Amino acid sequence: MWSAPRDWDALTWSPDCRLLAIAGPDGGLSVWDVTKLGEPVATDGPALEKAWVTLASNDARIGFVALRTILTSEDTGVALLKSKLAAVPAVDAKRLAALLTDLTSEDFPTREAAMTELKKLGRLAAPVMRVYMKAPKSPEGAQRVGELLRLVDGAILGPDDRRVVRTVEAVVWIGTPEAEKLLKVWAGGADGALLTTKARAALERRKK
């Protein structure tokens, strides 16, 4: 297991968190590519499929091994991720508007059905709900939408979410033209979706 030298004055990461620069007390500077640290990894088809599954692991070490497997594969790894994740389609705007209206319906089952569906939509409904909160139609609507937004903002990343975060990280680290193209496809997805948000943030960091 690699670890940073004990005697160092400062360290910093590159914007993509791939390179770690360590300044020693003697004025020397060491730069480490953390994606290449550790034992060699297999990159055949079965190994890549396993990596896709274990990207969702709650164990950071297992997740990092999966990342390295995809990184080492480069173009093949990008092709795998492209086949597994598509840009998230937008939710119909009229449907969202109808659900927000139903939140204040006089009919209890209608209100509960709207709450249930908006909870399922989660992040996908969040951008529209935030706009709603700027000028809520009623105190009851504000209360219900506020509750839904608190659920979204307080949500803990689940297995699928961890896979999305690590997938975007892998594509950023690979950094080939095909990887860049894939990031742009994902960034064109629905507002609020985790994949869309992470892809857009990655592209912004690359611009800087």
N, C-alpha and C. Protein backbone atom coordinates (compact mmCIF):
# COMPACT_ATOMS: atom_id res chain seq x y z
N MET A 1 0.85 -1.20 0.00
CA MET A 1 0.00 0.00 0.00
C MET A 1 0.88 1.24 0.00
N TRP A 2 0.67 2.15 -0.98
CA TRP A 2 1.47 3.37 -1.06
C TRP A 2 0.98 4.39 -0.05
N SER A 3 1.90 5.17 0.49
CA SER A 3 1.50 6.28 1.35
C SER A 3 2.45 7.44 1.10
N ALA A 4 2.00 8.65 1.37
CA ALA A 4 2.82 9.83 1.15
C ALA A 4 4.03 9.81 2.09
N PRO A 5 5.17 10.35 1.67
CA PRO A 5 6.33 10.43 2.54
C PRO A 5 6.01 11.18 3.82
N ARG A 6 6.66 10.77 4.91
CA ARG A 6 6.37 11.41 6.19
C ARG A 6 6.93 12.82 6.25
N ASP A 7 8.08 13.05 5.61
CA ASP A 7 8.72 14.37 5.65
C ASP A 7 8.32 15.17 4.43
N TRP A 8 7.38 16.07 4.59
CA TRP A 8 6.97 16.94 3.50
C TRP A 8 6.49 18.27 4.05
N ASP A 9 6.62 19.31 3.25
CA ASP A 9 6.22 20.65 3.67
C ASP A 9 4.83 21.03 3.16
N ALA A 10 4.50 20.53 2.00
CA ALA A 10 3.19 20.87 1.43
C ALA A 10 2.81 19.84 0.37
N LEU A 11 1.52 19.71 0.14
CA LEU A 11 1.05 18.85 -0.95
C LEU A 11 -0.18 19.48 -1.57
N THR A 12 -0.40 19.17 -2.82
CA THR A 12 -1.57 19.69 -3.52
C THR A 12 -1.98 18.73 -4.63
N TRP A 13 -3.26 18.76 -4.97
CA TRP A 13 -3.80 17.90 -6.01
C TRP A 13 -4.01 18.70 -7.29
N SER A 14 -3.91 18.02 -8.42
CA SER A 14 -4.29 18.64 -9.69
C SER A 14 -5.81 18.79 -9.71
N PRO A 15 -6.35 19.66 -10.58
CA PRO A 15 -7.81 19.88 -10.61
C PRO A 15 -8.62 18.60 -10.82
N ASP A 16 -8.07 17.62 -11.56
CA ASP A 16 -8.82 16.38 -11.78
C ASP A 16 -8.53 15.32 -10.72
N CYS A 17 -7.74 15.70 -9.70
CA CYS A 17 -7.39 14.81 -8.58
C CYS A 17 -6.63 13.56 -9.05
N ARG A 18 -5.99 13.64 -10.18
CA ARG A 18 -5.22 12.50 -10.67
C ARG A 18 -3.76 12.60 -10.21
N LEU A 19 -3.22 13.80 -10.16
CA LEU A 19 -1.82 14.00 -9.79
C LEU A 19 -1.71 14.60 -8.39
N LEU A 20 -0.77 14.08 -7.61
CA LEU A 20 -0.50 14.59 -6.27
C LEU A 20 0.94 15.10 -6.25
N ALA A 21 1.10 16.38 -5.97
CA ALA A 21 2.44 16.98 -5.90
C ALA A 21 2.82 17.16 -4.44
N ILE A 22 4.02 16.68 -4.08
CA ILE A 22 4.51 16.75 -2.70
C ILE A 22 5.84 17.50 -2.66
N ALA A 23 5.87 18.58 -1.87
CA ALA A 23 7.09 19.37 -1.71
C ALA A 23 7.82 18.92 -0.45
N GLY A 24 9.10 18.54 -0.59
CA GLY A 24 9.89 18.09 0.54
C GLY A 24 10.60 19.22 1.24
N PRO A 25 11.14 18.98 2.44
CA PRO A 25 11.83 20.03 3.21
C PRO A 25 13.11 20.51 2.54
N ASP A 26 13.65 19.69 1.60
CA ASP A 26 14.88 20.09 0.90
C ASP A 26 14.60 20.89 -0.36
N GLY A 27 13.34 21.20 -0.59
CA GLY A 27 12.99 21.97 -1.78
C GLY A 27 12.64 21.10 -2.97
N GLY A 28 12.79 19.80 -2.84
CA GLY A 28 12.46 18.89 -3.94
C GLY A 28 10.95 18.75 -4.11
N LEU A 29 10.55 18.37 -5.32
CA LEU A 29 9.13 18.21 -5.62
C LEU A 29 8.91 16.85 -6.28
N SER A 30 7.97 16.09 -5.75
CA SER A 30 7.60 14.79 -6.33
C SER A 30 6.17 14.86 -6.81
N VAL A 31 5.92 14.32 -8.00
CA VAL A 31 4.57 14.30 -8.55
C VAL A 31 4.17 12.85 -8.78
N TRP A 32 3.04 12.45 -8.22
CA TRP A 32 2.57 11.07 -8.30
C TRP A 32 1.26 11.02 -9.07
N ASP A 33 1.17 10.08 -9.99
CA ASP A 33 -0.10 9.78 -10.66
C ASP A 33 -0.77 8.68 -9.85
N VAL A 34 -1.78 9.06 -9.07
CA VAL A 34 -2.37 8.10 -8.15
C VAL A 34 -3.13 6.99 -8.87
N THR A 35 -3.48 7.20 -10.13
CA THR A 35 -4.21 6.16 -10.86
C THR A 35 -3.30 5.00 -11.25
N LYS A 36 -1.99 5.19 -11.10
CA LYS A 36 -1.05 4.13 -11.47
C LYS A 36 -0.40 3.47 -10.27
N LEU A 37 -0.87 3.83 -9.09
CA LEU A 37 -0.31 3.24 -7.87
C LEU A 37 -1.02 1.93 -7.56
N GLY A 38 -0.31 1.00 -6.97
CA GLY A 38 -0.92 -0.26 -6.59
C GLY A 38 -0.54 -1.39 -7.52
N GLU A 39 -1.13 -2.55 -7.27
CA GLU A 39 -0.82 -3.74 -8.04
C GLU A 39 -1.43 -3.65 -9.45
N PRO A 40 -0.81 -4.34 -10.44
CA PRO A 40 -1.39 -4.37 -11.79
C PRO A 40 -2.80 -4.94 -11.76
N VAL A 41 -3.65 -4.48 -12.67
CA VAL A 41 -5.03 -4.96 -12.73
C VAL A 41 -5.30 -5.58 -14.10
N ALA A 42 -6.21 -6.55 -14.11
CA ALA A 42 -6.62 -7.18 -15.36
C ALA A 42 -7.54 -6.22 -16.12
N THR A 43 -7.50 -6.27 -17.45
CA THR A 43 -8.32 -5.34 -18.25
C THR A 43 -9.11 -6.06 -19.35
N ASP A 44 -9.29 -7.37 -19.20
CA ASP A 44 -10.06 -8.09 -20.21
C ASP A 44 -11.55 -7.84 -20.01
N GLY A 45 -12.38 -8.42 -20.89
CA GLY A 45 -13.82 -8.20 -20.84
C GLY A 45 -14.44 -8.51 -19.50
N PRO A 46 -14.22 -9.71 -18.94
CA PRO A 46 -14.80 -10.03 -17.63
C PRO A 46 -14.34 -9.07 -16.53
N ALA A 47 -13.08 -8.64 -16.60
CA ALA A 47 -12.56 -7.72 -15.58
C ALA A 47 -13.27 -6.37 -15.66
N LEU A 48 -13.53 -5.93 -16.89
CA LEU A 48 -14.23 -4.65 -17.06
C LEU A 48 -15.68 -4.74 -16.58
N GLU A 49 -16.33 -5.85 -16.87
CA GLU A 49 -17.71 -6.02 -16.41
C GLU A 49 -17.76 -6.06 -14.88
N LYS A 50 -16.79 -6.73 -14.28
CA LYS A 50 -16.73 -6.76 -12.82
C LYS A 50 -16.47 -5.35 -12.27
N ALA A 51 -15.60 -4.60 -12.96
CA ALA A 51 -15.30 -3.24 -12.52
C ALA A 51 -16.56 -2.37 -12.55
N TRP A 52 -17.39 -2.55 -13.57
CA TRP A 52 -18.63 -1.78 -13.65
C TRP A 52 -19.51 -2.06 -12.43
N VAL A 53 -19.59 -3.32 -12.03
CA VAL A 53 -20.41 -3.68 -10.87
C VAL A 53 -19.82 -3.10 -9.59
N THR A 54 -18.51 -3.23 -9.42
CA THR A 54 -17.88 -2.82 -8.16
C THR A 54 -17.63 -1.32 -8.07
N LEU A 55 -17.89 -0.58 -9.13
CA LEU A 55 -17.85 0.88 -9.02
C LEU A 55 -18.87 1.38 -8.00
N ALA A 56 -19.88 0.57 -7.75
CA ALA A 56 -20.94 0.96 -6.82
C ALA A 56 -20.61 0.57 -5.38
N SER A 57 -19.47 -0.06 -5.16
CA SER A 57 -19.14 -0.57 -3.83
C SER A 57 -19.06 0.54 -2.78
N ASN A 58 -19.48 0.22 -1.58
CA ASN A 58 -19.35 1.15 -0.46
C ASN A 58 -17.94 1.16 0.11
N ASP A 59 -17.12 0.19 -0.31
CA ASP A 59 -15.73 0.09 0.12
C ASP A 59 -14.87 0.91 -0.85
N ALA A 60 -14.24 1.97 -0.34
CA ALA A 60 -13.48 2.87 -1.21
C ALA A 60 -12.33 2.15 -1.91
N ARG A 61 -11.71 1.18 -1.26
CA ARG A 61 -10.61 0.46 -1.89
C ARG A 61 -11.08 -0.36 -3.09
N ILE A 62 -12.22 -1.03 -2.91
CA ILE A 62 -12.77 -1.81 -4.02
C ILE A 62 -13.17 -0.89 -5.17
N GLY A 63 -13.77 0.25 -4.82
CA GLY A 63 -14.15 1.21 -5.84
C GLY A 63 -12.95 1.74 -6.59
N PHE A 64 -11.83 1.96 -5.89
CA PHE A 64 -10.64 2.49 -6.55
C PHE A 64 -10.02 1.45 -7.48
N VAL A 65 -10.03 0.19 -7.08
CA VAL A 65 -9.53 -0.87 -7.97
C VAL A 65 -10.37 -0.92 -9.25
N ALA A 66 -11.68 -0.75 -9.10
CA ALA A 66 -12.56 -0.72 -10.27
C ALA A 66 -12.21 0.46 -11.17
N LEU A 67 -11.97 1.61 -10.56
CA LEU A 67 -11.56 2.79 -11.32
C LEU A 67 -10.27 2.53 -12.10
N ARG A 68 -9.28 1.94 -11.43
CA ARG A 68 -7.99 1.69 -12.09
C ARG A 68 -8.15 0.71 -13.24
N THR A 69 -9.03 -0.27 -13.09
CA THR A 69 -9.27 -1.23 -14.17
C THR A 69 -9.78 -0.51 -15.41
N ILE A 70 -10.71 0.41 -15.23
CA ILE A 70 -11.27 1.15 -16.36
C ILE A 70 -10.25 2.14 -16.92
N LEU A 71 -9.51 2.79 -16.03
CA LEU A 71 -8.50 3.75 -16.49
C LEU A 71 -7.42 3.07 -17.32
N THR A 72 -6.98 1.91 -16.87
CA THR A 72 -5.93 1.19 -17.58
C THR A 72 -6.41 0.75 -18.96
N SER A 73 -7.72 0.53 -19.09
CA SER A 73 -8.28 0.08 -20.36
C SER A 73 -8.49 1.22 -21.35
N GLU A 74 -8.53 2.46 -20.85
CA GLU A 74 -8.72 3.68 -21.65
C GLU A 74 -9.87 3.56 -22.65
N ASP A 75 -9.58 3.45 -23.96
CA ASP A 75 -10.65 3.48 -24.97
C ASP A 75 -11.69 2.39 -24.74
N THR A 76 -11.23 1.20 -24.36
CA THR A 76 -12.16 0.11 -24.08
C THR A 76 -13.01 0.44 -22.86
N GLY A 77 -12.38 1.07 -21.88
CA GLY A 77 -13.10 1.48 -20.68
C GLY A 77 -14.15 2.53 -20.99
N VAL A 78 -13.81 3.50 -21.83
CA VAL A 78 -14.77 4.53 -22.22
C VAL A 78 -15.95 3.91 -22.97
N ALA A 79 -15.64 2.96 -23.87
CA ALA A 79 -16.70 2.28 -24.62
C ALA A 79 -17.64 1.53 -23.68
N LEU A 80 -17.07 0.91 -22.64
CA LEU A 80 -17.91 0.20 -21.67
C LEU A 80 -18.85 1.17 -20.96
N LEU A 81 -18.31 2.28 -20.48
CA LEU A 81 -19.11 3.25 -19.73
C LEU A 81 -20.18 3.88 -20.64
N LYS A 82 -19.83 4.09 -21.89
CA LYS A 82 -20.79 4.64 -22.85
C LYS A 82 -21.96 3.68 -23.06
N SER A 83 -21.65 2.39 -23.05
CA SER A 83 -22.71 1.39 -23.24
C SER A 83 -23.58 1.21 -22.00
N LYS A 84 -23.04 1.58 -20.84
CA LYS A 84 -23.76 1.36 -19.58
C LYS A 84 -24.59 2.57 -19.14
N LEU A 85 -24.12 3.78 -19.46
CA LEU A 85 -24.80 4.98 -18.98
C LEU A 85 -25.15 5.90 -20.14
N ALA A 86 -26.41 6.23 -20.24
CA ALA A 86 -26.87 7.19 -21.24
C ALA A 86 -27.25 8.49 -20.53
N ALA A 87 -27.26 9.59 -21.28
CA ALA A 87 -27.71 10.86 -20.70
C ALA A 87 -29.12 10.68 -20.15
N VAL A 88 -29.38 11.28 -19.01
CA VAL A 88 -30.67 11.12 -18.35
C VAL A 88 -31.73 11.97 -19.07
N PRO A 89 -32.82 11.36 -19.54
CA PRO A 89 -33.84 12.13 -20.25
C PRO A 89 -34.59 13.07 -19.30
N ALA A 90 -35.00 14.20 -19.83
CA ALA A 90 -35.72 15.19 -19.03
C ALA A 90 -37.13 14.70 -18.71
N VAL A 91 -37.64 15.13 -17.57
CA VAL A 91 -39.02 14.84 -17.21
C VAL A 91 -39.92 15.85 -17.90
N ASP A 92 -41.07 15.42 -18.37
CA ASP A 92 -42.01 16.30 -19.05
C ASP A 92 -42.38 17.48 -18.16
N ALA A 93 -42.16 18.69 -18.67
CA ALA A 93 -42.40 19.90 -17.89
C ALA A 93 -43.87 20.05 -17.50
N LYS A 94 -44.76 19.68 -18.40
CA LYS A 94 -46.19 19.79 -18.09
C LYS A 94 -46.58 18.82 -16.97
N ARG A 95 -45.95 17.64 -16.98
CA ARG A 95 -46.23 16.67 -15.92
C ARG A 95 -45.76 17.20 -14.57
N LEU A 96 -44.59 17.81 -14.54
CA LEU A 96 -44.09 18.37 -13.28
C LEU A 96 -45.01 19.48 -12.78
N ALA A 97 -45.44 20.33 -13.69
CA ALA A 97 -46.33 21.42 -13.31
C ALA A 97 -47.64 20.87 -12.74
N ALA A 98 -48.14 19.80 -13.35
CA ALA A 98 -49.38 19.19 -12.87
C ALA A 98 -49.20 18.59 -11.49
N LEU A 99 -48.05 17.97 -11.24
CA LEU A 99 -47.79 17.38 -9.93
C LEU A 99 -47.71 18.45 -8.85
N LEU A 100 -47.08 19.58 -9.17
CA LEU A 100 -46.99 20.67 -8.20
C LEU A 100 -48.37 21.24 -7.90
N THR A 101 -49.22 21.30 -8.90
CA THR A 101 -50.59 21.76 -8.68
C THR A 101 -51.35 20.77 -7.80
N ASP A 102 -51.13 19.48 -8.06
CA ASP A 102 -51.83 18.43 -7.31
C ASP A 102 -51.43 18.41 -5.83
N LEU A 103 -50.28 18.98 -5.51
CA LEU A 103 -49.84 18.99 -4.11
C LEU A 103 -50.82 19.75 -3.22
N THR A 104 -51.56 20.68 -3.78
CA THR A 104 -52.50 21.47 -2.98
C THR A 104 -53.96 21.15 -3.35
N SER A 105 -54.15 19.99 -3.95
CA SER A 105 -55.51 19.57 -4.31
C SER A 105 -56.35 19.36 -3.04
N GLU A 106 -57.64 19.60 -3.15
CA GLU A 106 -58.54 19.35 -2.02
C GLU A 106 -58.77 17.86 -1.81
N ASP A 107 -58.38 17.07 -2.81
CA ASP A 107 -58.55 15.61 -2.72
C ASP A 107 -57.31 15.00 -2.11
N PHE A 108 -57.46 14.37 -0.94
CA PHE A 108 -56.30 13.81 -0.22
C PHE A 108 -55.53 12.79 -1.04
N PRO A 109 -56.17 11.78 -1.67
CA PRO A 109 -55.43 10.80 -2.46
C PRO A 109 -54.62 11.46 -3.59
N THR A 110 -55.16 12.54 -4.18
CA THR A 110 -54.44 13.24 -5.25
C THR A 110 -53.17 13.89 -4.69
N ARG A 111 -53.30 14.52 -3.52
CA ARG A 111 -52.13 15.15 -2.90
C ARG A 111 -51.06 14.11 -2.58
N GLU A 112 -51.47 13.00 -2.01
CA GLU A 112 -50.52 11.96 -1.62
C GLU A 112 -49.85 11.32 -2.83
N ALA A 113 -50.63 11.13 -3.90
CA ALA A 113 -50.07 10.55 -5.13
C ALA A 113 -49.02 11.48 -5.73
N ALA A 114 -49.28 12.79 -5.68
CA ALA A 114 -48.31 13.77 -6.20
C ALA A 114 -47.03 13.76 -5.36
N MET A 115 -47.17 13.70 -4.04
CA MET A 115 -46.01 13.64 -3.16
C MET A 115 -45.18 12.40 -3.44
N THR A 116 -45.86 11.28 -3.60
CA THR A 116 -45.16 10.02 -3.85
C THR A 116 -44.38 10.08 -5.15
N GLU A 117 -44.99 10.59 -6.21
CA GLU A 117 -44.31 10.64 -7.50
C GLU A 117 -43.14 11.62 -7.49
N LEU A 118 -43.32 12.76 -6.83
CA LEU A 118 -42.23 13.74 -6.76
C LEU A 118 -41.07 13.21 -5.93
N LYS A 119 -41.37 12.43 -4.90
CA LYS A 119 -40.31 11.81 -4.11
C LYS A 119 -39.50 10.85 -4.99
N LYS A 120 -40.19 10.09 -5.83
CA LYS A 120 -39.50 9.15 -6.73
C LYS A 120 -38.64 9.88 -7.74
N LEU A 121 -39.13 11.01 -8.24
CA LEU A 121 -38.37 11.79 -9.22
C LEU A 121 -37.14 12.42 -8.57
N GLY A 122 -37.26 12.79 -7.30
CA GLY A 122 -36.13 13.30 -6.53
C GLY A 122 -35.39 14.43 -7.21
N ARG A 123 -34.10 14.21 -7.54
CA ARG A 123 -33.26 15.26 -8.12
C ARG A 123 -33.80 15.78 -9.44
N LEU A 124 -34.49 14.93 -10.20
CA LEU A 124 -35.01 15.36 -11.49
C LEU A 124 -36.08 16.43 -11.36
N ALA A 125 -36.80 16.40 -10.25
CA ALA A 125 -37.83 17.41 -10.02
C ALA A 125 -37.30 18.63 -9.26
N ALA A 126 -36.11 18.51 -8.68
CA ALA A 126 -35.59 19.56 -7.81
C ALA A 126 -35.46 20.92 -8.49
N PRO A 127 -34.92 21.04 -9.72
CA PRO A 127 -34.81 22.37 -10.33
C PRO A 127 -36.15 23.10 -10.44
N VAL A 128 -37.19 22.37 -10.85
CA VAL A 128 -38.51 22.97 -10.98
C VAL A 128 -39.07 23.33 -9.61
N MET A 129 -38.83 22.49 -8.61
CA MET A 129 -39.32 22.78 -7.26
C MET A 129 -38.62 24.00 -6.67
N ARG A 130 -37.35 24.19 -6.98
CA ARG A 130 -36.64 25.37 -6.48
C ARG A 130 -37.21 26.65 -7.10
N VAL A 131 -37.55 26.58 -8.37
CA VAL A 131 -38.19 27.74 -9.01
C VAL A 131 -39.54 28.01 -8.35
N TYR A 132 -40.28 26.96 -8.07
CA TYR A 132 -41.59 27.10 -7.41
C TYR A 132 -41.44 27.82 -6.07
N MET A 133 -40.42 27.50 -5.32
CA MET A 133 -40.24 28.06 -3.98
C MET A 133 -39.94 29.56 -4.01
N LYS A 134 -39.54 30.09 -5.16
CA LYS A 134 -39.29 31.53 -5.26
C LYS A 134 -40.60 32.32 -5.22
N ALA A 135 -41.68 31.68 -5.67
CA ALA A 135 -43.00 32.32 -5.64
C ALA A 135 -44.07 31.25 -5.44
N PRO A 136 -44.12 30.64 -4.26
CA PRO A 136 -45.07 29.55 -4.01
C PRO A 136 -46.51 30.01 -4.16
N LYS A 137 -47.35 29.08 -4.66
CA LYS A 137 -48.75 29.41 -4.91
C LYS A 137 -49.57 29.48 -3.62
N SER A 138 -49.10 28.80 -2.60
CA SER A 138 -49.83 28.78 -1.33
C SER A 138 -48.90 28.35 -0.21
N PRO A 139 -49.23 28.67 1.05
CA PRO A 139 -48.41 28.22 2.18
C PRO A 139 -48.32 26.69 2.23
N GLU A 140 -49.43 26.03 1.91
CA GLU A 140 -49.42 24.56 1.94
C GLU A 140 -48.48 24.02 0.87
N GLY A 141 -48.52 24.63 -0.34
CA GLY A 141 -47.62 24.19 -1.41
C GLY A 141 -46.17 24.40 -1.02
N ALA A 142 -45.85 25.54 -0.41
CA ALA A 142 -44.49 25.83 0.02
C ALA A 142 -44.02 24.81 1.05
N GLN A 143 -44.93 24.44 1.97
CA GLN A 143 -44.57 23.47 3.00
C GLN A 143 -44.23 22.11 2.38
N ARG A 144 -45.07 21.67 1.46
CA ARG A 144 -44.87 20.36 0.86
C ARG A 144 -43.63 20.33 -0.04
N VAL A 145 -43.47 21.37 -0.84
CA VAL A 145 -42.31 21.41 -1.73
C VAL A 145 -41.03 21.56 -0.91
N GLY A 146 -41.08 22.35 0.15
CA GLY A 146 -39.91 22.48 1.03
C GLY A 146 -39.52 21.15 1.63
N GLU A 147 -40.52 20.36 2.03
CA GLU A 147 -40.25 19.03 2.58
C GLU A 147 -39.58 18.13 1.53
N LEU A 148 -40.07 18.19 0.30
CA LEU A 148 -39.49 17.38 -0.78
C LEU A 148 -38.05 17.80 -1.06
N LEU A 149 -37.79 19.10 -1.06
CA LEU A 149 -36.43 19.57 -1.32
C LEU A 149 -35.47 19.18 -0.20
N ARG A 150 -35.95 19.17 1.03
CA ARG A 150 -35.10 18.73 2.14
C ARG A 150 -34.73 17.26 1.98
N LEU A 151 -35.65 16.47 1.48
CA LEU A 151 -35.36 15.06 1.23
C LEU A 151 -34.29 14.91 0.15
N VAL A 152 -34.40 15.72 -0.90
CA VAL A 152 -33.42 15.67 -1.98
C VAL A 152 -32.04 16.10 -1.48
N ASP A 153 -31.99 17.24 -0.78
CA ASP A 153 -30.72 17.79 -0.33
C ASP A 153 -30.06 16.93 0.75
N GLY A 154 -30.86 16.19 1.50
CA GLY A 154 -30.30 15.37 2.57
C GLY A 154 -30.09 13.92 2.19
N ALA A 155 -30.34 13.60 0.93
CA ALA A 155 -30.23 12.20 0.49
C ALA A 155 -28.77 11.72 0.54
N ILE A 156 -28.58 10.50 1.02
CA ILE A 156 -27.26 9.87 1.06
C ILE A 156 -27.04 9.13 -0.26
N LEU A 157 -25.82 9.22 -0.79
CA LEU A 157 -25.52 8.54 -2.05
C LEU A 157 -25.70 7.03 -1.91
N GLY A 158 -26.53 6.47 -2.76
CA GLY A 158 -26.72 5.02 -2.78
C GLY A 158 -25.76 4.36 -3.76
N PRO A 159 -25.85 3.04 -3.94
CA PRO A 159 -24.94 2.32 -4.84
C PRO A 159 -24.92 2.88 -6.26
N ASP A 160 -26.09 3.14 -6.83
CA ASP A 160 -26.14 3.67 -8.20
C ASP A 160 -25.51 5.06 -8.27
N ASP A 161 -25.71 5.85 -7.23
CA ASP A 161 -25.12 7.19 -7.19
C ASP A 161 -23.60 7.11 -7.11
N ARG A 162 -23.09 6.20 -6.29
CA ARG A 162 -21.63 6.05 -6.18
C ARG A 162 -21.04 5.63 -7.53
N ARG A 163 -21.76 4.76 -8.23
CA ARG A 163 -21.29 4.32 -9.54
C ARG A 163 -21.22 5.51 -10.51
N VAL A 164 -22.23 6.36 -10.46
CA VAL A 164 -22.25 7.54 -11.33
C VAL A 164 -21.06 8.45 -11.03
N VAL A 165 -20.84 8.74 -9.76
CA VAL A 165 -19.74 9.63 -9.37
C VAL A 165 -18.39 9.07 -9.84
N ARG A 166 -18.16 7.79 -9.61
CA ARG A 166 -16.89 7.17 -10.00
C ARG A 166 -16.76 7.04 -11.51
N THR A 167 -17.89 6.84 -12.19
CA THR A 167 -17.86 6.74 -13.64
C THR A 167 -17.41 8.05 -14.26
N VAL A 168 -17.97 9.14 -13.80
CA VAL A 168 -17.57 10.45 -14.31
C VAL A 168 -16.10 10.71 -13.99
N GLU A 169 -15.70 10.34 -12.79
CA GLU A 169 -14.29 10.51 -12.38
C GLU A 169 -13.37 9.73 -13.31
N ALA A 170 -13.75 8.52 -13.65
CA ALA A 170 -12.93 7.70 -14.54
C ALA A 170 -12.79 8.34 -15.92
N VAL A 171 -13.89 8.84 -16.46
CA VAL A 171 -13.86 9.46 -17.78
C VAL A 171 -13.00 10.72 -17.77
N VAL A 172 -13.10 11.50 -16.69
CA VAL A 172 -12.26 12.70 -16.56
C VAL A 172 -10.79 12.32 -16.53
N TRP A 173 -10.45 11.30 -15.77
CA TRP A 173 -9.05 10.88 -15.66
C TRP A 173 -8.51 10.33 -16.97
N ILE A 174 -9.33 9.62 -17.72
CA ILE A 174 -8.87 9.08 -19.01
C ILE A 174 -8.53 10.23 -19.95
N GLY A 175 -9.43 11.18 -20.07
CA GLY A 175 -9.12 12.44 -20.75
C GLY A 175 -8.89 12.39 -22.25
N THR A 176 -9.25 11.32 -22.92
CA THR A 176 -9.08 11.24 -24.37
C THR A 176 -10.20 12.01 -25.07
N PRO A 177 -10.06 12.27 -26.38
CA PRO A 177 -11.16 12.94 -27.11
C PRO A 177 -12.49 12.21 -26.98
N GLU A 178 -12.45 10.87 -27.01
CA GLU A 178 -13.69 10.10 -26.85
C GLU A 178 -14.28 10.29 -25.46
N ALA A 179 -13.41 10.37 -24.46
CA ALA A 179 -13.87 10.59 -23.09
C ALA A 179 -14.51 11.97 -22.97
N GLU A 180 -13.88 12.97 -23.58
CA GLU A 180 -14.42 14.33 -23.56
C GLU A 180 -15.79 14.37 -24.23
N LYS A 181 -15.91 13.67 -25.35
CA LYS A 181 -17.18 13.63 -26.08
C LYS A 181 -18.28 13.00 -25.22
N LEU A 182 -17.92 11.95 -24.49
CA LEU A 182 -18.90 11.27 -23.65
C LEU A 182 -19.35 12.19 -22.51
N LEU A 183 -18.43 12.93 -21.92
CA LEU A 183 -18.80 13.88 -20.87
C LEU A 183 -19.82 14.89 -21.38
N LYS A 184 -19.61 15.37 -22.60
CA LYS A 184 -20.52 16.36 -23.18
C LYS A 184 -21.91 15.77 -23.41
N VAL A 185 -21.95 14.49 -23.81
CA VAL A 185 -23.25 13.82 -23.99
C VAL A 185 -23.98 13.75 -22.66
N TRP A 186 -23.27 13.31 -21.62
CA TRP A 186 -23.90 13.21 -20.30
C TRP A 186 -24.33 14.57 -19.77
N ALA A 187 -23.52 15.60 -20.04
CA ALA A 187 -23.82 16.95 -19.56
C ALA A 187 -25.07 17.51 -20.21
N GLY A 188 -25.48 16.95 -21.33
CA GLY A 188 -26.68 17.40 -22.01
C GLY A 188 -27.95 16.75 -21.49
N GLY A 189 -27.84 15.99 -20.42
CA GLY A 189 -29.00 15.32 -19.85
C GLY A 189 -29.88 16.24 -19.04
N ALA A 190 -30.83 15.64 -18.34
CA ALA A 190 -31.83 16.40 -17.58
C ALA A 190 -31.19 17.20 -16.45
N ASP A 191 -31.66 18.44 -16.28
CA ASP A 191 -31.22 19.26 -15.16
C ASP A 191 -31.56 18.54 -13.86
N GLY A 192 -30.62 18.61 -12.92
CA GLY A 192 -30.86 18.01 -11.61
C GLY A 192 -30.38 16.59 -11.47
N ALA A 193 -30.27 15.85 -12.58
CA ALA A 193 -29.79 14.48 -12.51
C ALA A 193 -28.34 14.46 -12.06
N LEU A 194 -27.98 13.49 -11.22
CA LEU A 194 -26.62 13.43 -10.69
C LEU A 194 -25.60 13.29 -11.82
N LEU A 195 -25.87 12.45 -12.80
CA LEU A 195 -24.95 12.28 -13.92
C LEU A 195 -24.76 13.58 -14.68
N THR A 196 -25.84 14.30 -14.92
CA THR A 196 -25.76 15.58 -15.62
C THR A 196 -24.93 16.58 -14.82
N THR A 197 -25.22 16.67 -13.54
CA THR A 197 -24.54 17.64 -12.67
C THR A 197 -23.05 17.36 -12.59
N LYS A 198 -22.68 16.10 -12.39
CA LYS A 198 -21.26 15.74 -12.28
C LYS A 198 -20.52 15.95 -13.60
N ALA A 199 -21.17 15.61 -14.71
CA ALA A 199 -20.53 15.79 -16.01
C ALA A 199 -20.31 17.27 -16.31
N ARG A 200 -21.30 18.10 -16.02
CA ARG A 200 -21.16 19.54 -16.25
C ARG A 200 -20.06 20.14 -15.38
N ALA A 201 -20.01 19.71 -14.12
CA ALA A 201 -18.97 20.21 -13.22
C ALA A 201 -17.59 19.80 -13.72
N ALA A 202 -17.47 18.57 -14.23
CA ALA A 202 -16.18 18.09 -14.73
C ALA A 202 -15.74 18.91 -15.95
N LEU A 203 -16.67 19.22 -16.83
CA LEU A 203 -16.33 20.02 -18.01
C LEU A 203 -15.91 21.42 -17.62
N GLU A 204 -16.56 21.99 -16.60
CA GLU A 204 -16.18 23.31 -16.13
C GLU A 204 -14.78 23.31 -15.54
N ARG A 205 -14.46 22.27 -14.78
CA ARG A 205 -13.10 22.17 -14.22
C ARG A 205 -12.06 22.05 -15.32
N ARG A 206 -12.40 21.33 -16.37
CA ARG A 206 -11.44 21.15 -17.46
C ARG A 206 -11.18 22.47 -18.19
N LYS A 207 -12.20 23.33 -18.27
CA LYS A 207 -12.02 24.63 -18.90
C LYS A 207 -11.02 25.48 -18.14
N LYS A 208 -11.07 25.35 -16.82
CA LYS A 208 -10.18 26.14 -15.96
C LYS A 208 -8.76 25.62 -15.98
